[in-house]
All heavy atoms as atom14 arrays in JSON, in Angstrom:
{
  "sequence": "TGKELAAREIHYAGPRAQKPFVPVNCGALPDSLIESELFGHRRG",
  "atom14_mask": [
    [1, 1, 1, 1, 1, 1, 1, 0, 0, 0, 0, 0, 0, 0],
    [1, 1, 1, 1, 0, 0, 0, 0, 0, 0, 0, 0, 0, 0],
    [1, 1, 1, 1, 1, 1, 1, 1, 1, 0, 0, 0, 0, 0],
    [1, 1, 1, 1, 1, 1, 1, 1, 1, 0, 0, 0, 0, 0],
    [1, 1, 1, 1, 1, 1, 1, 1, 0, 0, 0, 0, 0, 0],
    [1, 1, 1, 1, 1, 0, 0, 0, 0, 0, 0, 0, 0, 0],
    [1, 1, 1, 1, 1, 0, 0, 0, 0, 0, 0, 0, 0, 0],
    [1, 1, 1, 1, 1, 1, 1, 1, 1, 1, 1, 0, 0, 0],
    [1, 1, 1, 1, 1, 1, 1, 1, 1, 0, 0, 0, 0, 0],
    [1, 1, 1, 1, 1, 1, 1, 1, 0, 0, 0, 0, 0, 0],
    [1, 1, 1, 1, 1, 1, 1, 1, 1, 1, 0, 0, 0, 0],
    [1, 1, 1, 1, 1, 1, 1, 1, 1, 1, 1, 1, 0, 0],
    [1, 1, 1, 1, 1, 0, 0, 0, 0, 0, 0, 0, 0, 0],
    [1, 1, 1, 1, 0, 0, 0, 0, 0, 0, 0, 0, 0, 0],
    [1, 1, 1, 1, 1, 1, 1, 0, 0, 0, 0, 0, 0, 0],
    [1, 1, 1, 1, 1, 1, 1, 1, 1, 1, 1, 0, 0, 0],
    [1, 1, 1, 1, 1, 0, 0, 0, 0, 0, 0, 0, 0, 0],
    [1, 1, 1, 1, 1, 1, 1, 1, 1, 0, 0, 0, 0, 0],
    [1, 1, 1, 1, 1, 1, 1, 1, 1, 0, 0, 0, 0, 0],
    [1, 1, 1, 1, 1, 1, 1, 0, 0, 0, 0, 0, 0, 0],
    [1, 1, 1, 1, 1, 1, 1, 1, 1, 1, 1, 0, 0, 0],
    [1, 1, 1, 1, 1, 1, 1, 0, 0, 0, 0, 0, 0, 0],
    [1, 1, 1, 1, 1, 1, 1, 0, 0, 0, 0, 0, 0, 0],
    [1, 1, 1, 1, 1, 1, 1, 0, 0, 0, 0, 0, 0, 0],
    [1, 1, 1, 1, 1, 1, 1, 1, 0, 0, 0, 0, 0, 0],
    [1, 1, 1, 1, 1, 1, 0, 0, 0, 0, 0, 0, 0, 0],
    [1, 1, 1, 1, 0, 0, 0, 0, 0, 0, 0, 0, 0, 0],
    [1, 1, 1, 1, 1, 0, 0, 0, 0, 0, 0, 0, 0, 0],
    [1, 1, 1, 1, 1, 1, 1, 1, 0, 0, 0, 0, 0, 0],
    [1, 1, 1, 1, 1, 1, 1, 0, 0, 0, 0, 0, 0, 0],
    [1, 1, 1, 1, 1, 1, 1, 1, 0, 0, 0, 0, 0, 0],
    [1, 1, 1, 1, 1, 1, 0, 0, 0, 0, 0, 0, 0, 0],
    [1, 1, 1, 1, 1, 1, 1, 1, 0, 0, 0, 0, 0, 0],
    [1, 1, 1, 1, 1, 1, 1, 1, 0, 0, 0, 0, 0, 0],
    [1, 1, 1, 1, 1, 1, 1, 1, 1, 0, 0, 0, 0, 0],
    [1, 1, 1, 1, 1, 1, 0, 0, 0, 0, 0, 0, 0, 0],
    [1, 1, 1, 1, 1, 1, 1, 1, 1, 0, 0, 0, 0, 0],
    [1, 1, 1, 1, 1, 1, 1, 1, 0, 0, 0, 0, 0, 0],
    [1, 1, 1, 1, 1, 1, 1, 1, 1, 1, 1, 0, 0, 0],
    [1, 1, 1, 1, 0, 0, 0, 0, 0, 0, 0, 0, 0, 0],
    [1, 1, 1, 1, 1, 1, 1, 1, 1, 1, 0, 0, 0, 0],
    [1, 1, 1, 1, 1, 1, 1, 1, 1, 1, 1, 0, 0, 0],
    [1, 1, 1, 1, 1, 1, 1, 1, 1, 1, 1, 0, 0, 0],
    [1, 1, 1, 1, 0, 0, 0, 0, 0, 0, 0, 0, 0, 0]
  ],
  "atom14_positions": [
    [[45.89, -50.43, 51.91], [46.07, -49.16, 51.21], [47.45, -49.0, 50.55], [47.65, -48.12, 49.74], [45.9, -47.99, 52.19], [46.72, -48.21, 53.38], [44.47, -47.81, 52.61], [0.0, 0.0, 0.0], [0.0, 0.0, 0.0], [0.0, 0.0, 0.0], [0.0, 0.0, 0.0], [0.0, 0.0, 0.0], [0.0, 0.0, 0.0], [0.0, 0.0, 0.0]],
    [[48.39, -49.9, 50.88], [49.7, -49.84, 50.24], [50.76, -49.22, 51.09], [51.66, -48.51, 50.56], [0.0, 0.0, 0.0], [0.0, 0.0, 0.0], [0.0, 0.0, 0.0], [0.0, 0.0, 0.0], [0.0, 0.0, 0.0], [0.0, 0.0, 0.0], [0.0, 0.0, 0.0], [0.0, 0.0, 0.0], [0.0, 0.0, 0.0], [0.0, 0.0, 0.0]],
    [[50.73, -49.44, 52.4], [51.72, -48.82, 53.3], [53.11, -49.36, 53.03], [54.09, -48.6, 53.11], [51.29, -49.01, 54.76], [49.97, -48.33, 55.12], [49.64, -48.47, 56.59], [49.29, -49.88, 56.98], [48.06, -50.37, 56.3], [0.0, 0.0, 0.0], [0.0, 0.0, 0.0], [0.0, 0.0, 0.0], [0.0, 0.0, 0.0], [0.0, 0.0, 0.0]],
    [[53.24, -50.67, 52.75], [54.57, -51.2, 52.48], [55.11, -50.62, 51.17], [56.32, -50.33, 51.06], [54.56, -52.71, 52.41], [55.95, -53.29, 52.14], [56.06, -54.78, 52.31], [55.16, -55.4, 52.92], [57.07, -55.37, 51.83], [0.0, 0.0, 0.0], [0.0, 0.0, 0.0], [0.0, 0.0, 0.0], [0.0, 0.0, 0.0], [0.0, 0.0, 0.0]],
    [[54.25, -50.41, 50.2], [54.68, -49.81, 48.94], [55.19, -48.39, 49.19], [56.2, -47.96, 48.6], [53.5, -49.77, 47.97], [53.83, -49.61, 46.48], [54.69, -50.77, 45.97], [52.56, -49.52, 45.64], [0.0, 0.0, 0.0], [0.0, 0.0, 0.0], [0.0, 0.0, 0.0], [0.0, 0.0, 0.0], [0.0, 0.0, 0.0], [0.0, 0.0, 0.0]],
    [[54.51, -47.67, 50.1], [54.96, -46.33, 50.48], [56.31, -46.37, 51.16], [57.18, -45.53, 50.92], [53.91, -45.65, 51.37], [0.0, 0.0, 0.0], [0.0, 0.0, 0.0], [0.0, 0.0, 0.0], [0.0, 0.0, 0.0], [0.0, 0.0, 0.0], [0.0, 0.0, 0.0], [0.0, 0.0, 0.0], [0.0, 0.0, 0.0], [0.0, 0.0, 0.0]],
    [[56.49, -47.36, 52.05], [57.78, -47.51, 52.74], [58.9, -47.8, 51.76], [60.02, -47.29, 51.89], [57.66, -48.64, 53.77], [0.0, 0.0, 0.0], [0.0, 0.0, 0.0], [0.0, 0.0, 0.0], [0.0, 0.0, 0.0], [0.0, 0.0, 0.0], [0.0, 0.0, 0.0], [0.0, 0.0, 0.0], [0.0, 0.0, 0.0], [0.0, 0.0, 0.0]],
    [[58.6, -48.64, 50.76], [59.63, -48.95, 49.76], [59.97, -47.72, 48.9], [61.11, -47.56, 48.47], [59.13, -50.12, 48.86], [59.11, -51.45, 49.58], [58.64, -52.58, 48.66], [58.58, -53.85, 49.36], [59.62, -54.68, 49.53], [60.79, -54.36, 49.02], [59.47, -55.81, 50.19], [0.0, 0.0, 0.0], [0.0, 0.0, 0.0], [0.0, 0.0, 0.0]],
    [[58.97, -46.88, 48.65], [59.25, -45.64, 47.92], [60.22, -44.77, 48.71], [61.13, -44.19, 48.12], [57.94, -44.89, 47.66], [58.1, -43.61, 46.86], [58.53, -43.87, 45.44], [58.17, -44.89, 44.85], [59.29, -43.01, 44.89], [0.0, 0.0, 0.0], [0.0, 0.0, 0.0], [0.0, 0.0, 0.0], [0.0, 0.0, 0.0], [0.0, 0.0, 0.0]],
    [[60.02, -44.66, 50.02], [60.94, -43.89, 50.86], [62.35, -44.46, 50.75], [63.34, -43.73, 50.62], [60.48, -43.92, 52.33], [59.17, -43.15, 52.5], [61.55, -43.35, 53.25], [58.54, -43.25, 53.87], [0.0, 0.0, 0.0], [0.0, 0.0, 0.0], [0.0, 0.0, 0.0], [0.0, 0.0, 0.0], [0.0, 0.0, 0.0], [0.0, 0.0, 0.0]],
    [[62.45, -45.78, 50.8], [63.77, -46.42, 50.77], [64.47, -46.26, 49.42], [65.61, -45.79, 49.36], [63.62, -47.91, 51.08], [64.89, -48.71, 50.95], [65.88, -48.65, 51.88], [65.32, -49.56, 49.97], [66.89, -49.41, 51.51], [66.57, -49.98, 50.33], [0.0, 0.0, 0.0], [0.0, 0.0, 0.0], [0.0, 0.0, 0.0], [0.0, 0.0, 0.0]],
    [[63.74, -46.6, 48.33], [64.38, -46.63, 47.01], [64.51, -45.24, 46.36], [65.22, -45.11, 45.38], [63.63, -47.59, 46.1], [63.82, -49.04, 46.52], [62.78, -49.76, 47.09], [65.05, -49.66, 46.37], [62.96, -51.06, 47.51], [65.27, -50.98, 46.74], [64.2, -51.68, 47.33], [64.4, -52.98, 47.75], [0.0, 0.0, 0.0], [0.0, 0.0, 0.0]],
    [[63.87, -44.24, 46.92], [64.02, -42.89, 46.39], [65.14, -42.12, 47.12], [65.43, -40.98, 46.77], [62.72, -42.12, 46.53], [0.0, 0.0, 0.0], [0.0, 0.0, 0.0], [0.0, 0.0, 0.0], [0.0, 0.0, 0.0], [0.0, 0.0, 0.0], [0.0, 0.0, 0.0], [0.0, 0.0, 0.0], [0.0, 0.0, 0.0], [0.0, 0.0, 0.0]],
    [[65.76, -42.75, 48.11], [66.76, -42.06, 48.89], [68.16, -42.63, 48.75], [68.4, -43.54, 47.94], [0.0, 0.0, 0.0], [0.0, 0.0, 0.0], [0.0, 0.0, 0.0], [0.0, 0.0, 0.0], [0.0, 0.0, 0.0], [0.0, 0.0, 0.0], [0.0, 0.0, 0.0], [0.0, 0.0, 0.0], [0.0, 0.0, 0.0], [0.0, 0.0, 0.0]],
    [[69.11, -42.15, 49.54], [70.51, -42.58, 49.45], [70.77, -44.01, 49.91], [71.82, -44.56, 49.7], [71.24, -41.59, 50.37], [70.19, -41.09, 51.3], [68.91, -41.06, 50.53], [0.0, 0.0, 0.0], [0.0, 0.0, 0.0], [0.0, 0.0, 0.0], [0.0, 0.0, 0.0], [0.0, 0.0, 0.0], [0.0, 0.0, 0.0], [0.0, 0.0, 0.0]],
    [[69.76, -44.64, 50.56], [69.93, -46.02, 51.04], [69.41, -47.05, 50.0], [69.31, -48.24, 50.32], [69.19, -46.21, 52.35], [69.76, -45.38, 53.49], [68.93, -45.48, 54.77], [69.52, -44.7, 55.82], [70.36, -45.17, 56.74], [70.66, -46.46, 56.76], [70.87, -44.4, 57.68], [0.0, 0.0, 0.0], [0.0, 0.0, 0.0], [0.0, 0.0, 0.0]],
    [[69.08, -46.62, 48.81], [68.44, -47.47, 47.82], [69.23, -48.73, 47.5], [68.66, -49.79, 47.18], [68.18, -46.69, 46.54], [0.0, 0.0, 0.0], [0.0, 0.0, 0.0], [0.0, 0.0, 0.0], [0.0, 0.0, 0.0], [0.0, 0.0, 0.0], [0.0, 0.0, 0.0], [0.0, 0.0, 0.0], [0.0, 0.0, 0.0], [0.0, 0.0, 0.0]],
    [[70.56, -48.67, 47.54], [71.4, -49.81, 47.2], [71.63, -50.76, 48.39], [72.28, -51.8, 48.23], [72.75, -49.35, 46.67], [72.66, -48.44, 45.43], [71.87, -49.09, 44.3], [72.08, -50.28, 43.99], [70.95, -48.34, 43.72], [0.0, 0.0, 0.0], [0.0, 0.0, 0.0], [0.0, 0.0, 0.0], [0.0, 0.0, 0.0], [0.0, 0.0, 0.0]],
    [[71.07, -50.41, 49.52], [71.2, -51.22, 50.74], [69.92, -51.98, 51.0], [68.92, -51.76, 50.33], [71.56, -50.33, 51.94], [72.9, -49.6, 51.82], [74.07, -50.56, 51.78], [75.39, -49.81, 51.75], [76.54, -50.72, 51.79], [0.0, 0.0, 0.0], [0.0, 0.0, 0.0], [0.0, 0.0, 0.0], [0.0, 0.0, 0.0], [0.0, 0.0, 0.0]],
    [[69.92, -52.92, 51.96], [68.73, -53.78, 52.13], [67.49, -53.03, 52.61], [67.57, -52.09, 53.39], [69.2, -54.79, 53.18], [70.69, -54.74, 53.17], [71.03, -53.33, 52.83], [0.0, 0.0, 0.0], [0.0, 0.0, 0.0], [0.0, 0.0, 0.0], [0.0, 0.0, 0.0], [0.0, 0.0, 0.0], [0.0, 0.0, 0.0], [0.0, 0.0, 0.0]],
    [[66.35, -53.5, 52.14], [65.04, -53.13, 52.7], [64.51, -54.39, 53.36], [64.23, -55.39, 52.71], [64.08, -52.67, 51.58], [62.7, -52.34, 52.08], [62.37, -51.05, 52.48], [61.71, -53.33, 52.13], [61.09, -50.74, 52.93], [60.42, -53.03, 52.57], [60.11, -51.73, 52.98], [0.0, 0.0, 0.0], [0.0, 0.0, 0.0], [0.0, 0.0, 0.0]],
    [[64.39, -54.36, 54.7], [64.02, -55.55, 55.49], [62.67, -55.37, 56.15], [62.55, -54.58, 57.09], [65.09, -55.88, 56.54], [64.67, -57.1, 57.36], [66.47, -56.12, 55.86], [0.0, 0.0, 0.0], [0.0, 0.0, 0.0], [0.0, 0.0, 0.0], [0.0, 0.0, 0.0], [0.0, 0.0, 0.0], [0.0, 0.0, 0.0], [0.0, 0.0, 0.0]],
    [[61.61, -56.01, 55.64], [60.28, -55.91, 56.28], [60.13, -56.93, 57.37], [60.63, -58.06, 57.28], [59.34, -56.19, 55.11], [60.12, -57.1, 54.23], [61.57, -56.77, 54.37], [0.0, 0.0, 0.0], [0.0, 0.0, 0.0], [0.0, 0.0, 0.0], [0.0, 0.0, 0.0], [0.0, 0.0, 0.0], [0.0, 0.0, 0.0], [0.0, 0.0, 0.0]],
    [[59.42, -56.54, 58.44], [59.15, -57.47, 59.53], [57.7, -57.26, 60.0], [57.29, -56.12, 60.19], [60.13, -57.3, 60.7], [60.2, -55.86, 61.15], [59.77, -58.2, 61.87], [0.0, 0.0, 0.0], [0.0, 0.0, 0.0], [0.0, 0.0, 0.0], [0.0, 0.0, 0.0], [0.0, 0.0, 0.0], [0.0, 0.0, 0.0], [0.0, 0.0, 0.0]],
    [[56.97, -58.35, 60.16], [55.63, -58.28, 60.7], [55.73, -58.34, 62.22], [56.05, -59.36, 62.8], [54.8, -59.46, 60.18], [53.34, -59.4, 60.62], [53.0, -58.76, 61.61], [52.48, -60.05, 59.87], [0.0, 0.0, 0.0], [0.0, 0.0, 0.0], [0.0, 0.0, 0.0], [0.0, 0.0, 0.0], [0.0, 0.0, 0.0], [0.0, 0.0, 0.0]],
    [[55.45, -57.22, 62.86], [55.63, -57.11, 64.31], [54.68, -58.07, 65.06], [55.02, -58.51, 66.17], [55.37, -55.68, 64.77], [56.61, -54.52, 64.18], [0.0, 0.0, 0.0], [0.0, 0.0, 0.0], [0.0, 0.0, 0.0], [0.0, 0.0, 0.0], [0.0, 0.0, 0.0], [0.0, 0.0, 0.0], [0.0, 0.0, 0.0], [0.0, 0.0, 0.0]],
    [[53.55, -58.39, 64.46], [52.63, -59.3, 65.11], [53.16, -60.72, 65.18], [52.64, -61.55, 65.95], [0.0, 0.0, 0.0], [0.0, 0.0, 0.0], [0.0, 0.0, 0.0], [0.0, 0.0, 0.0], [0.0, 0.0, 0.0], [0.0, 0.0, 0.0], [0.0, 0.0, 0.0], [0.0, 0.0, 0.0], [0.0, 0.0, 0.0], [0.0, 0.0, 0.0]],
    [[54.19, -61.01, 64.41], [54.77, -62.38, 64.38], [56.02, -62.51, 65.24], [56.65, -63.56, 65.27], [55.1, -62.77, 62.93], [0.0, 0.0, 0.0], [0.0, 0.0, 0.0], [0.0, 0.0, 0.0], [0.0, 0.0, 0.0], [0.0, 0.0, 0.0], [0.0, 0.0, 0.0], [0.0, 0.0, 0.0], [0.0, 0.0, 0.0], [0.0, 0.0, 0.0]],
    [[56.38, -61.43, 65.96], [57.55, -61.5, 66.81], [57.19, -62.02, 68.2], [56.49, -61.36, 68.96], [58.17, -60.09, 66.95], [58.81, -59.46, 65.72], [59.26, -58.06, 65.98], [59.97, -60.32, 65.25], [0.0, 0.0, 0.0], [0.0, 0.0, 0.0], [0.0, 0.0, 0.0], [0.0, 0.0, 0.0], [0.0, 0.0, 0.0], [0.0, 0.0, 0.0]],
    [[57.63, -63.23, 68.55], [57.28, -63.8, 69.85], [58.07, -63.09, 70.98], [59.24, -62.74, 70.82], [57.69, -65.25, 69.75], [58.77, -65.24, 68.7], [58.44, -64.15, 67.74], [0.0, 0.0, 0.0], [0.0, 0.0, 0.0], [0.0, 0.0, 0.0], [0.0, 0.0, 0.0], [0.0, 0.0, 0.0], [0.0, 0.0, 0.0], [0.0, 0.0, 0.0]],
    [[57.4, -62.88, 72.11], [58.03, -62.21, 73.24], [59.33, -62.89, 73.65], [60.31, -62.24, 73.98], [57.07, -62.17, 74.45], [56.45, -60.81, 74.6], [56.64, -59.96, 73.71], [55.74, -60.6, 75.59], [0.0, 0.0, 0.0], [0.0, 0.0, 0.0], [0.0, 0.0, 0.0], [0.0, 0.0, 0.0], [0.0, 0.0, 0.0], [0.0, 0.0, 0.0]],
    [[59.31, -64.22, 73.65], [60.48, -64.97, 74.14], [61.69, -64.83, 73.25], [62.84, -65.08, 73.71], [60.1, -66.46, 74.26], [59.66, -66.98, 73.01], [0.0, 0.0, 0.0], [0.0, 0.0, 0.0], [0.0, 0.0, 0.0], [0.0, 0.0, 0.0], [0.0, 0.0, 0.0], [0.0, 0.0, 0.0], [0.0, 0.0, 0.0], [0.0, 0.0, 0.0]],
    [[61.49, -64.42, 71.98], [62.59, -64.34, 71.06], [62.78, -62.94, 70.49], [63.5, -62.76, 69.49], [62.4, -65.33, 69.91], [62.39, -66.83, 70.28], [62.08, -67.67, 69.08], [63.74, -67.25, 70.88], [0.0, 0.0, 0.0], [0.0, 0.0, 0.0], [0.0, 0.0, 0.0], [0.0, 0.0, 0.0], [0.0, 0.0, 0.0], [0.0, 0.0, 0.0]],
    [[62.12, -61.93, 71.06], [62.13, -60.61, 70.48], [63.55, -60.05, 70.32], [63.91, -59.51, 69.26], [61.26, -59.62, 71.3], [61.22, -58.24, 70.63], [61.7, -59.52, 72.75], [60.54, -58.2, 69.3], [0.0, 0.0, 0.0], [0.0, 0.0, 0.0], [0.0, 0.0, 0.0], [0.0, 0.0, 0.0], [0.0, 0.0, 0.0], [0.0, 0.0, 0.0]],
    [[64.38, -60.18, 71.32], [65.74, -59.64, 71.25], [66.59, -60.43, 70.26], [67.38, -59.86, 69.49], [66.4, -59.6, 72.62], [65.73, -58.62, 73.56], [66.48, -58.47, 74.87], [67.36, -59.32, 75.13], [66.15, -57.54, 75.63], [0.0, 0.0, 0.0], [0.0, 0.0, 0.0], [0.0, 0.0, 0.0], [0.0, 0.0, 0.0], [0.0, 0.0, 0.0]],
    [[66.39, -61.75, 70.22], [67.12, -62.57, 69.27], [66.73, -62.26, 67.84], [67.57, -62.17, 66.93], [66.89, -64.07, 69.55], [67.52, -64.87, 68.6], [0.0, 0.0, 0.0], [0.0, 0.0, 0.0], [0.0, 0.0, 0.0], [0.0, 0.0, 0.0], [0.0, 0.0, 0.0], [0.0, 0.0, 0.0], [0.0, 0.0, 0.0], [0.0, 0.0, 0.0]],
    [[65.43, -62.06, 67.61], [64.95, -61.76, 66.27], [65.47, -60.39, 65.79], [65.89, -60.25, 64.63], [63.42, -61.72, 66.26], [62.78, -63.09, 66.42], [62.88, -63.92, 65.15], [62.97, -63.35, 64.06], [62.87, -65.17, 65.27], [0.0, 0.0, 0.0], [0.0, 0.0, 0.0], [0.0, 0.0, 0.0], [0.0, 0.0, 0.0], [0.0, 0.0, 0.0]],
    [[65.47, -59.41, 66.67], [65.89, -58.06, 66.27], [67.41, -57.92, 66.22], [67.97, -57.34, 65.27], [65.31, -57.03, 67.23], [63.82, -56.72, 67.1], [63.39, -55.71, 68.16], [63.49, -56.19, 65.72], [0.0, 0.0, 0.0], [0.0, 0.0, 0.0], [0.0, 0.0, 0.0], [0.0, 0.0, 0.0], [0.0, 0.0, 0.0], [0.0, 0.0, 0.0]],
    [[68.09, -58.46, 67.24], [69.51, -58.2, 67.42], [70.42, -59.4, 67.16], [71.65, -59.26, 67.19], [69.78, -57.66, 68.82], [68.87, -56.52, 69.2], [68.24, -56.5, 70.44], [68.64, -55.48, 68.31], [67.41, -55.43, 70.79], [67.79, -54.43, 68.64], [67.19, -54.43, 69.88], [0.0, 0.0, 0.0], [0.0, 0.0, 0.0], [0.0, 0.0, 0.0]],
    [[69.86, -60.58, 66.9], [70.65, -61.75, 66.66], [71.14, -62.4, 67.94], [70.84, -61.94, 69.06], [0.0, 0.0, 0.0], [0.0, 0.0, 0.0], [0.0, 0.0, 0.0], [0.0, 0.0, 0.0], [0.0, 0.0, 0.0], [0.0, 0.0, 0.0], [0.0, 0.0, 0.0], [0.0, 0.0, 0.0], [0.0, 0.0, 0.0], [0.0, 0.0, 0.0]],
    [[71.9, -63.49, 67.8], [72.43, -64.13, 69.0], [73.77, -64.81, 68.69], [74.06, -65.13, 67.54], [71.44, -65.18, 69.53], [71.1, -66.27, 68.58], [69.93, -66.27, 67.82], [71.78, -67.4, 68.19], [69.9, -67.36, 67.04], [71.01, -68.04, 67.26], [0.0, 0.0, 0.0], [0.0, 0.0, 0.0], [0.0, 0.0, 0.0], [0.0, 0.0, 0.0]],
    [[74.53, -65.06, 69.74], [75.79, -65.77, 69.64], [75.53, -67.26, 69.83], [74.53, -67.68, 70.4], [76.78, -65.26, 70.67], [77.1, -63.77, 70.61], [77.84, -63.43, 69.33], [79.13, -64.09, 69.25], [80.26, -63.62, 69.8], [80.25, -62.46, 70.48], [81.38, -64.28, 69.68], [0.0, 0.0, 0.0], [0.0, 0.0, 0.0], [0.0, 0.0, 0.0]],
    [[76.45, -68.07, 69.36], [76.33, -69.51, 69.56], [76.35, -69.85, 71.05], [77.13, -69.31, 71.81], [77.51, -70.21, 68.86], [77.51, -71.71, 69.01], [78.69, -72.33, 68.32], [78.7, -73.78, 68.47], [79.66, -74.57, 68.05], [80.72, -74.02, 67.39], [79.6, -75.88, 68.24], [0.0, 0.0, 0.0], [0.0, 0.0, 0.0], [0.0, 0.0, 0.0]],
    [[75.39, -70.69, 71.45], [75.32, -71.1, 72.84], [74.58, -70.1, 73.74], [74.52, -70.32, 74.96], [0.0, 0.0, 0.0], [0.0, 0.0, 0.0], [0.0, 0.0, 0.0], [0.0, 0.0, 0.0], [0.0, 0.0, 0.0], [0.0, 0.0, 0.0], [0.0, 0.0, 0.0], [0.0, 0.0, 0.0], [0.0, 0.0, 0.0], [0.0, 0.0, 0.0]]
  ]
}
């Protein structure tokens, strides 16, 4: 139906338009790496 297009409209019509729009498919986030994927990780 165009939900991502709607999300992009929210982003680019607002004050955050010049900042990143980062899409993520939640179904592709593995349990073992969920925190690393969302929050990053340090070396080692």
